[in-house]
């Protein structure tokens, strides 16, 4: 499988490494594009044996699957770049947060195969939780391609698009909530004279065990969660932050396609 990345930042690098490690493709079958000044991106792709270019069209011409891994405000620029050479042999997978499929379909030729996906930062260590939505012309085979690719960096499920803003908010901030909660446990562990490694090991075990308890208990999942967190101020903080993330995702989606582009730089995610 020939895979291209428009945007060669951290997420693109993590995904490329996952694809190679899982045997889905070889480094020599991967090409990425980035801005010339993104030296780190250039070096990382070369280290994987992948090609690197500063031309989005070159990525499209040399790839079957194209992963759009740029910041949302760069999406219109990138799609405008590839539109003249994008055809029915290409599958576009966008991981740009907040950009609706219908806007991308309008920006590319009619009947373009497009899938909108949302990975999260644990994909950087191949423990991501990704979801995706297929466009009007994407096939079952396209959906299976996405599942195979994203399972190389974690889990992957198909969802309706109306859920994506909420999932974007949760995916974007969820891992940070968990990390913060773990660090909140540190002072208690230190008070008991535990070494830092012991605290973190116990915290990770507690987190994994709690998730397993929720998924396997005969008691209602909601009951377990509410009983465990209803007196915790941290729950209220998480809910408020989640709502802010949802609002931000919706704002990005309404602005990023229609506004005129002020720059033609390729911006890595």
Protein backbone atom coordinates (compact mmCIF):
# COMPACT_ATOMS: atom_id res chain seq x y z
CA UNK A 1 0.00 0.00 0.00
CA UNK A 2 1.33 3.43 -0.96
CA UNK A 3 0.62 5.96 1.77
CA UNK A 4 1.14 9.71 1.68
CA UNK A 5 1.03 12.30 4.43
CA UNK A 6 0.22 15.94 3.80
CA UNK A 7 1.76 17.32 6.97
CA UNK A 8 4.60 15.36 8.54
CA UNK A 9 4.34 16.32 12.21
CA UNK A 10 4.24 14.16 15.35
CA UNK A 11 0.93 12.45 14.59
CA UNK A 12 1.93 11.68 11.01
CA UNK A 13 5.25 10.29 12.23
CA UNK A 14 3.55 8.09 14.84
CA UNK A 15 1.09 6.75 12.29
CA UNK A 16 3.80 6.08 9.71
CA UNK A 17 5.83 4.13 12.28
CA UNK A 18 2.75 2.13 13.25
CA UNK A 19 1.98 1.28 9.62
CA UNK A 20 5.54 0.09 9.05
CA UNK A 21 5.79 -1.88 12.32
CA UNK A 22 2.52 -3.69 11.66
CA UNK A 23 3.62 -4.69 8.16
CA UNK A 24 0.86 -2.74 6.39
CA UNK A 25 3.43 -0.99 4.23
CA UNK A 26 7.14 -0.31 3.91
CA UNK A 27 9.01 2.89 4.55
CA UNK A 28 9.86 3.09 0.87
CA UNK A 29 6.11 3.21 0.08
CA UNK A 30 5.52 6.25 2.29
CA UNK A 31 5.89 9.88 1.24
CA UNK A 32 5.25 12.97 3.34
CA UNK A 33 5.11 16.69 2.67
CA UNK A 34 6.08 19.49 5.01
CA UNK A 35 7.45 23.01 4.96
CA UNK A 36 11.17 23.27 4.11
CA UNK A 37 11.90 24.74 7.54
CA UNK A 38 10.48 21.69 9.36
CA UNK A 39 13.87 20.03 9.70
CA UNK A 40 12.76 17.60 12.40
CA UNK A 41 9.95 16.28 10.18
CA UNK A 42 12.32 15.84 7.26
CA UNK A 43 14.82 13.89 9.36
CA UNK A 44 12.18 11.65 10.97
CA UNK A 45 10.71 10.59 7.64
CA UNK A 46 14.15 9.92 6.21
CA UNK A 47 14.98 7.80 9.27
CA UNK A 48 11.97 5.59 8.50
CA UNK A 49 13.17 5.14 4.93
CA UNK A 50 10.29 7.29 3.68
CA UNK A 51 10.43 10.02 1.08
CA UNK A 52 9.88 13.66 1.94
CA UNK A 53 8.79 16.48 -0.33
CA UNK A 54 7.68 20.09 -0.11
CA UNK A 55 4.97 19.61 -2.76
CA UNK A 56 1.48 18.34 -1.85
CA UNK A 57 0.78 17.34 -5.46
CA UNK A 58 3.74 14.97 -5.43
CA UNK A 59 2.28 13.22 -2.38
CA UNK A 60 -1.06 12.77 -4.15
CA UNK A 61 0.48 11.52 -7.39
CA UNK A 62 2.53 8.89 -5.57
CA UNK A 63 -0.04 7.60 -3.04
CA UNK A 64 -3.15 5.45 -2.93
CA UNK A 65 -4.09 6.60 0.57
CA UNK A 66 -3.47 10.24 1.48
CA UNK A 67 -3.62 11.28 5.14
CA UNK A 68 -4.33 14.95 5.65
CA UNK A 69 -2.48 15.68 8.90
CA UNK A 70 -2.35 19.47 9.02
CA UNK A 71 -3.85 22.09 11.31
CA UNK A 72 -7.46 22.92 10.44
CA UNK A 73 -6.78 26.37 8.99
CA UNK A 74 -4.34 24.82 6.50
CA UNK A 75 -6.92 22.36 5.14
CA UNK A 76 -8.30 24.72 2.43
CA UNK A 77 -4.79 25.42 1.16
CA UNK A 78 -3.86 21.73 1.06
CA UNK A 79 -7.07 20.67 -0.68
CA UNK A 80 -6.70 23.44 -3.26
CA UNK A 81 -3.15 22.20 -3.93
CA UNK A 82 -4.15 18.60 -4.59
CA UNK A 83 -7.49 19.16 -6.36
CA UNK A 84 -6.02 19.18 -9.92
CA UNK A 85 -4.39 15.76 -9.45
CA UNK A 86 -6.81 14.04 -7.02
CA UNK A 87 -8.78 11.24 -8.72
CA UNK A 88 -10.86 8.09 -8.11
CA UNK A 89 -7.75 6.05 -7.28
CA UNK A 90 -7.05 8.20 -4.21
CA UNK A 91 -8.56 7.82 -0.74
CA UNK A 92 -8.28 10.91 1.46
CA UNK A 93 -8.26 10.42 5.24
CA UNK A 94 -8.41 13.69 7.13
CA UNK A 95 -7.28 13.87 10.77
CA UNK A 96 -7.68 17.65 10.91
CA UNK A 97 -9.93 18.40 13.87
CA UNK A 98 -13.28 20.09 13.34
CA UNK A 99 -13.41 20.06 9.52
CA UNK A 100 -16.71 18.49 8.28
CA UNK A 101 -16.71 15.96 5.44
CA UNK A 102 -19.18 17.97 3.36
CA UNK A 103 -16.75 20.91 3.23
CA UNK A 104 -13.91 18.68 2.06
CA UNK A 105 -16.17 17.03 -0.54
CA UNK A 106 -17.03 20.47 -1.91
CA UNK A 107 -13.34 21.36 -2.15
CA UNK A 108 -12.35 18.24 -4.14
CA UNK A 109 -13.66 16.74 -7.42
CA UNK A 110 -17.12 15.17 -7.41
CA UNK A 111 -17.36 11.64 -5.95
CA UNK A 112 -14.00 11.92 -4.19
CA UNK A 113 -13.49 9.19 -1.59
CA UNK A 114 -13.06 10.94 1.75
CA UNK A 115 -12.98 9.73 5.34
CA UNK A 116 -12.75 11.95 8.40
CA UNK A 117 -10.89 10.36 11.30
CA UNK A 118 -10.02 11.47 14.81
CA UNK A 119 -7.03 9.83 16.51
CA UNK A 120 -5.76 11.06 19.88
CA UNK A 121 -2.32 11.65 21.36
CA UNK A 122 -1.81 8.12 22.83
CA UNK A 123 -1.46 7.05 19.18
CA UNK A 124 2.07 8.43 19.61
CA UNK A 125 2.78 5.32 21.73
CA UNK A 126 0.47 3.06 19.67
CA UNK A 127 -2.31 3.15 22.28
CA UNK A 128 -4.67 5.55 20.54
CA UNK A 129 -8.46 5.45 20.49
CA UNK A 130 -9.51 6.53 16.99
CA UNK A 131 -12.92 6.96 15.40
CA UNK A 132 -13.90 7.72 11.82
CA UNK A 133 -16.78 8.78 9.57
CA UNK A 134 -17.01 7.88 5.90
CA UNK A 135 -18.00 10.37 3.20
CA UNK A 136 -20.79 9.87 0.68
CA UNK A 137 -18.51 8.16 -1.87
CA UNK A 138 -16.37 6.10 0.54
CA UNK A 139 -16.92 2.34 0.28
CA UNK A 140 -16.92 -0.52 2.77
CA UNK A 141 -13.45 -1.39 1.52
CA UNK A 142 -12.31 2.18 2.27
CA UNK A 143 -13.71 1.88 5.78
CA UNK A 144 -11.83 -1.40 6.29
CA UNK A 145 -8.64 0.24 5.05
CA UNK A 146 -9.02 2.93 7.71
CA UNK A 147 -9.67 0.34 10.42
CA UNK A 148 -6.57 -1.64 9.43
CA UNK A 149 -4.40 1.47 9.38
CA UNK A 150 -5.55 3.00 12.65
CA UNK A 151 -5.53 -0.29 14.54
CA UNK A 152 -1.78 -0.27 14.01
CA UNK A 153 -1.66 2.65 16.48
CA UNK A 154 -4.46 1.59 18.86
CA UNK A 155 -8.18 0.94 18.44
CA UNK A 156 -10.56 2.20 15.75
CA UNK A 157 -14.36 2.36 15.41
CA UNK A 158 -16.81 3.91 12.94
CA UNK A 159 -19.28 6.47 14.34
CA UNK A 160 -21.90 8.94 13.00
CA UNK A 161 -20.45 12.36 12.18
CA UNK A 162 -22.72 14.21 14.61
CA UNK A 163 -20.75 12.58 17.45
CA UNK A 164 -17.37 13.78 16.23
CA UNK A 165 -17.34 17.21 17.90
CA UNK A 166 -17.93 15.59 21.27
CA UNK A 167 -15.38 12.88 20.57
CA UNK A 168 -12.90 15.51 19.40
CA UNK A 169 -13.31 17.32 22.70
CA UNK A 170 -12.90 14.14 24.69
CA UNK A 171 -10.05 12.75 22.59
CA UNK A 172 -8.17 16.02 22.68
CA UNK A 173 -8.37 16.52 26.42
CA UNK A 174 -9.14 13.07 27.85
CA UNK A 175 -5.54 11.79 28.05
CA UNK A 176 -4.50 15.06 29.73
CA UNK A 177 -7.23 14.60 32.37
CA UNK A 178 -5.95 11.12 33.18
CA UNK A 179 -2.33 12.28 33.38
CA UNK A 180 -3.34 15.16 35.63
CA UNK A 181 -5.31 12.82 37.88
CA UNK A 182 -2.28 10.56 38.21
CA UNK A 183 -0.10 13.46 39.23
CA UNK A 184 -2.68 14.53 41.80
CA UNK A 185 -2.06 11.18 43.48
CA UNK A 186 1.66 11.87 43.81
CA UNK A 187 1.52 14.02 46.99
CA UNK A 188 -0.40 11.27 48.78
CA UNK A 189 2.18 8.71 47.73
CA UNK A 190 5.05 10.95 48.79
CA UNK A 191 3.43 11.48 52.18
CA UNK A 192 3.72 7.71 52.60
CA UNK A 193 7.40 7.85 51.55
CA UNK A 194 6.89 6.00 48.28
CA UNK A 195 9.42 6.42 45.51
CA UNK A 196 8.21 8.23 42.37
CA UNK A 197 8.44 5.03 40.31
CA UNK A 198 6.26 3.21 42.84
CA UNK A 199 3.66 5.97 42.81
CA UNK A 200 3.41 6.00 39.03
CA UNK A 201 3.34 2.20 38.80
CA UNK A 202 0.50 2.04 41.34
CA UNK A 203 -1.39 4.90 39.67
CA UNK A 204 -1.23 3.24 36.27
CA UNK A 205 -2.38 -0.04 37.80
CA UNK A 206 -5.26 1.72 39.54
CA UNK A 207 -6.34 3.36 36.30
CA UNK A 208 -6.21 0.14 34.30
CA UNK A 209 -8.03 -1.77 37.02
CA UNK A 210 -10.75 0.85 37.33
CA UNK A 211 -11.43 0.78 33.59
CA UNK A 212 -11.62 -3.01 33.64
CA UNK A 213 -14.02 -2.85 36.59
CA UNK A 214 -16.31 -0.46 34.70
CA UNK A 215 -16.36 -2.60 31.56
CA UNK A 216 -16.92 -5.95 33.32
CA UNK A 217 -19.11 -5.13 36.34
CA UNK A 218 -22.73 -6.27 36.47
CA UNK A 219 -23.60 -2.96 38.11
CA UNK A 220 -24.48 -0.17 35.75
CA UNK A 221 -21.46 1.66 34.36
CA UNK A 222 -23.12 4.99 35.09
CA UNK A 223 -23.74 3.99 38.71
CA UNK A 224 -20.09 3.07 39.26
CA UNK A 225 -18.84 6.29 37.69
CA UNK A 226 -21.28 8.57 39.51
CA UNK A 227 -20.73 6.91 42.90
CA UNK A 228 -16.99 7.19 42.46
CA UNK A 229 -16.86 10.78 41.25
CA UNK A 230 -19.96 12.64 42.40
CA UNK A 231 -18.17 14.32 45.30
CA UNK A 232 -15.01 15.04 43.32
CA UNK A 233 -14.47 18.64 42.14
CA UNK A 234 -12.26 17.25 39.40
CA UNK A 235 -15.31 15.78 37.62
CA UNK A 236 -16.86 19.22 37.30
CA UNK A 237 -13.61 20.60 35.93
CA UNK A 238 -13.44 17.84 33.33
CA UNK A 239 -17.02 18.43 32.19
CA UNK A 240 -16.46 22.17 31.79
CA UNK A 241 -13.23 21.67 29.86
CA UNK A 242 -14.88 19.05 27.66
CA UNK A 243 -17.66 21.49 26.77
CA UNK A 244 -15.07 24.12 25.86
CA UNK A 245 -13.32 21.64 23.55
CA UNK A 246 -16.60 20.78 21.81
CA UNK A 247 -17.31 24.47 21.23
CA UNK A 248 -13.81 24.97 19.84
CA UNK A 249 -14.18 22.03 17.46
CA UNK A 250 -17.47 23.43 16.13
CA UNK A 251 -15.96 26.88 15.73
CA UNK A 252 -13.03 25.47 13.73
CA UNK A 253 -15.40 23.58 11.47
CA UNK A 254 -17.45 26.67 10.68
CA UNK A 255 -14.47 28.89 9.92
CA UNK A 256 -11.64 26.93 8.38
CA UNK A 257 -13.04 26.17 4.93
CA UNK A 258 -14.74 29.41 3.93
CA UNK A 259 -12.22 32.01 4.96
CA UNK A 260 -9.63 33.15 2.40
CA UNK A 261 -6.16 31.66 2.77
CA UNK A 262 -3.47 34.12 3.80
CA UNK A 263 -0.56 31.69 3.59
CA UNK A 264 0.49 28.76 1.41
CA UNK A 265 2.80 27.20 3.96
CA UNK A 266 2.36 23.52 4.73
CA UNK A 267 1.77 23.32 8.46
CA UNK A 268 2.64 20.01 10.16
CA UNK A 269 0.37 18.72 12.86
